[in-house]
Amino acid sequence: MGDLIGPRLYSCYNCRNHVALHDDIVSKEFQSQKGRAYLFSHAVNVFTGRKEDRQLMTGMHTVADINCMDCKQVLGWMYVKAYEDSQKYKEGKVVLEKYKIIRDNW
């Protein structure tokens, strides 16, 4: 019998808590202040911080930091509201900074 291969996961870099599935990546073309980031349709085992307006590269957005449920590290942010019509597709989606997540089960 062959080896069973589960889903490819991303985990918190600090505590290895599973936070996202590779299949849920919407885009790998995002940028954070410290480098590349991935846009996911959703994340798991995380909680959101307080909502705030931020001027990002693509305009003004209401965002909330995304924190690891286990170790509380900030891993990225969630788009709560986009003010420009061309950016509305981001609402409800999560950006995880590449340097704050690790590949797991690859």
N, C-alpha and C. Protein backbone atom coordinates (compact mmCIF):
# COMPACT_ATOMS: atom_id res chain seq x y z
N MET A 1 0.84 -1.18 0.00
CA MET A 1 0.00 0.00 0.00
C MET A 1 0.88 1.24 0.00
N GLY A 2 0.54 2.24 -0.81
CA GLY A 2 1.34 3.46 -0.91
C GLY A 2 1.15 4.36 0.29
N ASP A 3 2.08 5.29 0.44
CA ASP A 3 1.97 6.27 1.53
C ASP A 3 0.80 7.20 1.28
N LEU A 4 0.08 7.51 2.33
CA LEU A 4 -1.00 8.49 2.24
C LEU A 4 -0.40 9.87 2.42
N ILE A 5 -0.74 10.77 1.52
CA ILE A 5 -0.23 12.13 1.60
C ILE A 5 -1.39 13.04 1.93
N GLY A 6 -1.27 13.76 3.03
CA GLY A 6 -2.32 14.68 3.44
C GLY A 6 -2.15 16.02 2.76
N PRO A 7 -2.97 16.96 3.14
CA PRO A 7 -2.91 18.29 2.53
C PRO A 7 -1.62 19.01 2.91
N ARG A 8 -1.14 19.83 1.99
CA ARG A 8 0.02 20.67 2.29
C ARG A 8 -0.45 21.84 3.13
N LEU A 9 0.24 22.06 4.23
CA LEU A 9 -0.16 23.05 5.23
C LEU A 9 0.88 24.13 5.39
N TYR A 10 0.42 25.25 5.93
CA TYR A 10 1.32 26.29 6.42
C TYR A 10 1.10 26.40 7.92
N SER A 11 2.19 26.56 8.65
CA SER A 11 2.14 26.62 10.11
C SER A 11 2.82 27.88 10.61
N CYS A 12 2.49 28.27 11.82
CA CYS A 12 3.13 29.40 12.48
C CYS A 12 4.63 29.11 12.62
N TYR A 13 5.46 30.06 12.27
CA TYR A 13 6.91 29.87 12.35
C TYR A 13 7.39 29.70 13.78
N ASN A 14 6.63 30.20 14.75
CA ASN A 14 7.07 30.19 16.14
C ASN A 14 6.69 28.91 16.88
N CYS A 15 5.45 28.41 16.67
CA CYS A 15 4.99 27.27 17.45
C CYS A 15 4.50 26.09 16.61
N ARG A 16 4.50 26.24 15.29
CA ARG A 16 4.10 25.21 14.34
C ARG A 16 2.61 24.86 14.39
N ASN A 17 1.81 25.76 14.92
CA ASN A 17 0.36 25.62 14.88
C ASN A 17 -0.09 25.73 13.42
N HIS A 18 -0.91 24.81 12.94
CA HIS A 18 -1.41 24.86 11.56
C HIS A 18 -2.32 26.07 11.40
N VAL A 19 -2.05 26.89 10.37
CA VAL A 19 -2.84 28.10 10.18
C VAL A 19 -3.49 28.22 8.81
N ALA A 20 -3.04 27.47 7.80
CA ALA A 20 -3.64 27.59 6.47
C ALA A 20 -3.31 26.38 5.61
N LEU A 21 -4.15 26.17 4.61
CA LEU A 21 -3.93 25.12 3.62
C LEU A 21 -3.35 25.73 2.34
N HIS A 22 -2.42 25.04 1.74
CA HIS A 22 -1.85 25.50 0.48
C HIS A 22 -2.93 25.70 -0.58
N ASP A 23 -3.93 24.84 -0.60
CA ASP A 23 -5.00 24.93 -1.60
C ASP A 23 -5.85 26.19 -1.44
N ASP A 24 -5.75 26.87 -0.31
CA ASP A 24 -6.54 28.09 -0.07
C ASP A 24 -5.82 29.37 -0.48
N ILE A 25 -4.65 29.24 -1.11
CA ILE A 25 -3.94 30.44 -1.59
C ILE A 25 -4.69 31.03 -2.77
N VAL A 26 -4.96 32.32 -2.67
CA VAL A 26 -5.59 33.07 -3.75
C VAL A 26 -4.51 33.72 -4.62
N SER A 27 -3.46 34.23 -3.95
CA SER A 27 -2.37 34.90 -4.68
C SER A 27 -1.08 34.84 -3.88
N LYS A 28 0.03 34.68 -4.60
CA LYS A 28 1.37 34.76 -3.99
C LYS A 28 2.05 36.07 -4.34
N GLU A 29 1.32 37.00 -4.90
CA GLU A 29 1.88 38.26 -5.40
C GLU A 29 1.71 39.43 -4.44
N PHE A 30 1.57 39.16 -3.16
CA PHE A 30 1.38 40.24 -2.19
C PHE A 30 2.70 40.62 -1.55
N GLN A 31 2.75 41.83 -1.04
CA GLN A 31 3.96 42.38 -0.45
C GLN A 31 3.61 42.96 0.92
N SER A 32 4.44 42.69 1.91
CA SER A 32 4.30 43.32 3.22
C SER A 32 5.51 44.24 3.41
N GLN A 33 5.57 44.90 4.52
CA GLN A 33 6.70 45.79 4.77
C GLN A 33 8.02 45.03 4.83
N LYS A 34 7.97 43.75 5.18
CA LYS A 34 9.20 42.97 5.34
C LYS A 34 9.39 41.90 4.28
N GLY A 35 8.63 41.99 3.19
CA GLY A 35 8.84 41.01 2.13
C GLY A 35 7.56 40.43 1.57
N ARG A 36 7.70 39.27 0.94
CA ARG A 36 6.58 38.62 0.28
C ARG A 36 5.53 38.14 1.27
N ALA A 37 4.29 38.05 0.75
CA ALA A 37 3.18 37.57 1.55
C ALA A 37 2.20 36.86 0.62
N TYR A 38 1.37 36.00 1.20
CA TYR A 38 0.39 35.25 0.43
C TYR A 38 -1.01 35.65 0.85
N LEU A 39 -1.92 35.76 -0.11
CA LEU A 39 -3.33 36.02 0.17
C LEU A 39 -4.05 34.67 0.19
N PHE A 40 -4.72 34.38 1.31
CA PHE A 40 -5.47 33.14 1.48
C PHE A 40 -6.96 33.45 1.55
N SER A 41 -7.77 32.51 1.10
CA SER A 41 -9.22 32.69 1.20
C SER A 41 -9.67 32.70 2.67
N HIS A 42 -8.96 31.98 3.51
CA HIS A 42 -9.22 31.98 4.95
C HIS A 42 -8.06 31.32 5.69
N ALA A 43 -8.07 31.43 7.00
CA ALA A 43 -7.05 30.82 7.85
C ALA A 43 -7.75 30.13 9.02
N VAL A 44 -7.03 29.25 9.69
CA VAL A 44 -7.57 28.52 10.84
C VAL A 44 -6.64 28.68 12.03
N ASN A 45 -7.16 28.42 13.21
CA ASN A 45 -6.36 28.48 14.45
C ASN A 45 -5.72 29.84 14.65
N VAL A 46 -6.44 30.89 14.26
CA VAL A 46 -5.99 32.26 14.42
C VAL A 46 -7.12 33.10 15.02
N PHE A 47 -6.78 34.28 15.52
CA PHE A 47 -7.80 35.23 15.95
C PHE A 47 -7.41 36.60 15.43
N THR A 48 -8.40 37.45 15.29
CA THR A 48 -8.16 38.79 14.75
C THR A 48 -8.05 39.81 15.86
N GLY A 49 -7.21 40.80 15.61
CA GLY A 49 -7.06 41.92 16.52
C GLY A 49 -8.10 43.00 16.21
N ARG A 50 -7.84 44.17 16.74
CA ARG A 50 -8.74 45.30 16.56
C ARG A 50 -8.72 45.80 15.12
N LYS A 51 -9.86 46.19 14.61
CA LYS A 51 -9.95 46.75 13.26
C LYS A 51 -9.36 48.15 13.25
N GLU A 52 -8.66 48.47 12.14
CA GLU A 52 -8.13 49.82 11.99
C GLU A 52 -7.96 50.13 10.51
N ASP A 53 -8.06 51.40 10.18
CA ASP A 53 -7.81 51.83 8.81
C ASP A 53 -6.32 51.96 8.59
N ARG A 54 -5.85 51.42 7.46
CA ARG A 54 -4.42 51.53 7.10
C ARG A 54 -4.31 51.91 5.63
N GLN A 55 -3.37 52.78 5.36
CA GLN A 55 -3.05 53.12 3.98
C GLN A 55 -2.03 52.09 3.50
N LEU A 56 -2.47 51.21 2.61
CA LEU A 56 -1.60 50.18 2.07
C LEU A 56 -1.20 50.54 0.65
N MET A 57 -0.39 49.73 0.02
CA MET A 57 0.10 50.01 -1.33
C MET A 57 -1.04 50.18 -2.33
N THR A 58 -2.16 49.51 -2.09
CA THR A 58 -3.28 49.56 -3.03
C THR A 58 -4.41 50.47 -2.56
N GLY A 59 -4.14 51.31 -1.57
CA GLY A 59 -5.15 52.26 -1.11
C GLY A 59 -5.53 52.03 0.34
N MET A 60 -6.56 52.76 0.76
CA MET A 60 -7.04 52.68 2.14
C MET A 60 -7.90 51.43 2.32
N HIS A 61 -7.63 50.71 3.41
CA HIS A 61 -8.39 49.51 3.76
C HIS A 61 -8.62 49.50 5.26
N THR A 62 -9.71 48.87 5.69
CA THR A 62 -9.89 48.53 7.09
C THR A 62 -9.37 47.11 7.24
N VAL A 63 -8.42 46.92 8.15
CA VAL A 63 -7.79 45.62 8.34
C VAL A 63 -7.75 45.28 9.83
N ALA A 64 -7.50 44.01 10.12
CA ALA A 64 -7.30 43.54 11.49
C ALA A 64 -6.13 42.57 11.48
N ASP A 65 -5.23 42.72 12.42
CA ASP A 65 -4.09 41.79 12.50
C ASP A 65 -4.60 40.38 12.74
N ILE A 66 -3.88 39.41 12.18
CA ILE A 66 -4.16 37.98 12.37
C ILE A 66 -3.08 37.44 13.30
N ASN A 67 -3.51 36.82 14.39
CA ASN A 67 -2.60 36.28 15.40
C ASN A 67 -2.76 34.77 15.52
N CYS A 68 -1.65 34.09 15.77
CA CYS A 68 -1.68 32.66 16.03
C CYS A 68 -2.46 32.40 17.33
N MET A 69 -3.36 31.45 17.30
CA MET A 69 -4.18 31.13 18.47
C MET A 69 -3.33 30.60 19.61
N ASP A 70 -2.24 29.88 19.31
CA ASP A 70 -1.43 29.27 20.37
C ASP A 70 -0.41 30.22 20.98
N CYS A 71 0.42 30.84 20.15
CA CYS A 71 1.52 31.65 20.70
C CYS A 71 1.28 33.15 20.62
N LYS A 72 0.18 33.56 19.97
CA LYS A 72 -0.23 34.97 19.89
C LYS A 72 0.61 35.84 18.95
N GLN A 73 1.54 35.26 18.20
CA GLN A 73 2.35 36.02 17.25
C GLN A 73 1.48 36.59 16.14
N VAL A 74 1.76 37.83 15.75
CA VAL A 74 1.08 38.41 14.60
C VAL A 74 1.67 37.78 13.34
N LEU A 75 0.81 37.19 12.50
CA LEU A 75 1.26 36.50 11.29
C LEU A 75 0.91 37.25 10.02
N GLY A 76 0.02 38.21 10.11
CA GLY A 76 -0.41 38.96 8.94
C GLY A 76 -1.63 39.79 9.28
N TRP A 77 -2.53 39.93 8.31
CA TRP A 77 -3.73 40.72 8.53
C TRP A 77 -4.90 40.21 7.70
N MET A 78 -6.10 40.60 8.11
CA MET A 78 -7.31 40.29 7.36
C MET A 78 -7.86 41.60 6.80
N TYR A 79 -8.29 41.53 5.54
CA TYR A 79 -8.96 42.68 4.93
C TYR A 79 -10.43 42.65 5.38
N VAL A 80 -10.83 43.65 6.12
CA VAL A 80 -12.21 43.76 6.58
C VAL A 80 -13.03 44.56 5.58
N LYS A 81 -12.48 45.67 5.10
CA LYS A 81 -13.19 46.53 4.15
C LYS A 81 -12.19 47.17 3.20
N ALA A 82 -12.56 47.18 1.93
CA ALA A 82 -11.78 47.88 0.91
C ALA A 82 -12.63 49.06 0.43
N TYR A 83 -12.03 50.21 0.30
CA TYR A 83 -12.77 51.41 -0.06
C TYR A 83 -12.87 51.62 -1.57
N GLU A 84 -12.01 50.98 -2.32
CA GLU A 84 -12.06 51.10 -3.78
C GLU A 84 -12.68 49.84 -4.38
N ASP A 85 -13.54 50.03 -5.37
CA ASP A 85 -14.24 48.89 -5.98
C ASP A 85 -13.28 47.83 -6.51
N SER A 86 -12.16 48.24 -7.06
CA SER A 86 -11.21 47.28 -7.63
C SER A 86 -10.53 46.41 -6.57
N GLN A 87 -10.67 46.78 -5.30
CA GLN A 87 -10.03 46.04 -4.21
C GLN A 87 -11.02 45.22 -3.38
N LYS A 88 -12.28 45.26 -3.71
CA LYS A 88 -13.34 44.59 -2.93
C LYS A 88 -13.12 43.07 -2.84
N TYR A 89 -12.45 42.48 -3.82
CA TYR A 89 -12.23 41.02 -3.80
C TYR A 89 -11.41 40.58 -2.60
N LYS A 90 -10.70 41.51 -1.95
CA LYS A 90 -9.85 41.17 -0.80
C LYS A 90 -10.65 41.05 0.50
N GLU A 91 -11.85 41.61 0.54
CA GLU A 91 -12.61 41.64 1.78
C GLU A 91 -12.85 40.22 2.31
N GLY A 92 -12.55 40.03 3.60
CA GLY A 92 -12.73 38.73 4.24
C GLY A 92 -11.57 37.77 4.04
N LYS A 93 -10.60 38.17 3.23
CA LYS A 93 -9.44 37.30 2.97
C LYS A 93 -8.28 37.66 3.90
N VAL A 94 -7.33 36.75 4.00
CA VAL A 94 -6.23 36.86 4.95
C VAL A 94 -4.89 36.90 4.24
N VAL A 95 -4.04 37.81 4.65
CA VAL A 95 -2.66 37.87 4.16
C VAL A 95 -1.75 37.34 5.27
N LEU A 96 -0.94 36.33 4.94
CA LEU A 96 0.05 35.81 5.87
C LEU A 96 1.43 36.12 5.30
N GLU A 97 2.27 36.72 6.13
CA GLU A 97 3.62 37.08 5.69
C GLU A 97 4.47 35.83 5.57
N LYS A 98 5.15 35.70 4.45
CA LYS A 98 5.89 34.47 4.14
C LYS A 98 6.93 34.13 5.21
N TYR A 99 7.60 35.14 5.77
CA TYR A 99 8.64 34.84 6.75
C TYR A 99 8.07 34.43 8.11
N LYS A 100 6.75 34.52 8.27
CA LYS A 100 6.12 34.15 9.55
C LYS A 100 5.37 32.83 9.48
N ILE A 101 5.44 32.16 8.32
CA ILE A 101 4.82 30.84 8.20
C ILE A 101 5.84 29.87 7.62
N ILE A 102 5.65 28.61 7.94
CA ILE A 102 6.53 27.57 7.40
C ILE A 102 5.68 26.50 6.73
N ARG A 103 6.26 25.86 5.73
CA ARG A 103 5.57 24.76 5.05
C ARG A 103 5.62 23.52 5.94
N ASP A 104 4.49 22.85 5.99
CA ASP A 104 4.37 21.66 6.83
C ASP A 104 3.70 20.56 6.00
N ASN A 105 4.16 19.33 6.11
CA ASN A 105 3.58 18.18 5.42
C ASN A 105 3.79 18.25 3.90
N TRP A 106 4.97 18.69 3.48
CA TRP A 106 5.28 18.80 2.03
C TRP A 106 6.13 17.63 1.62
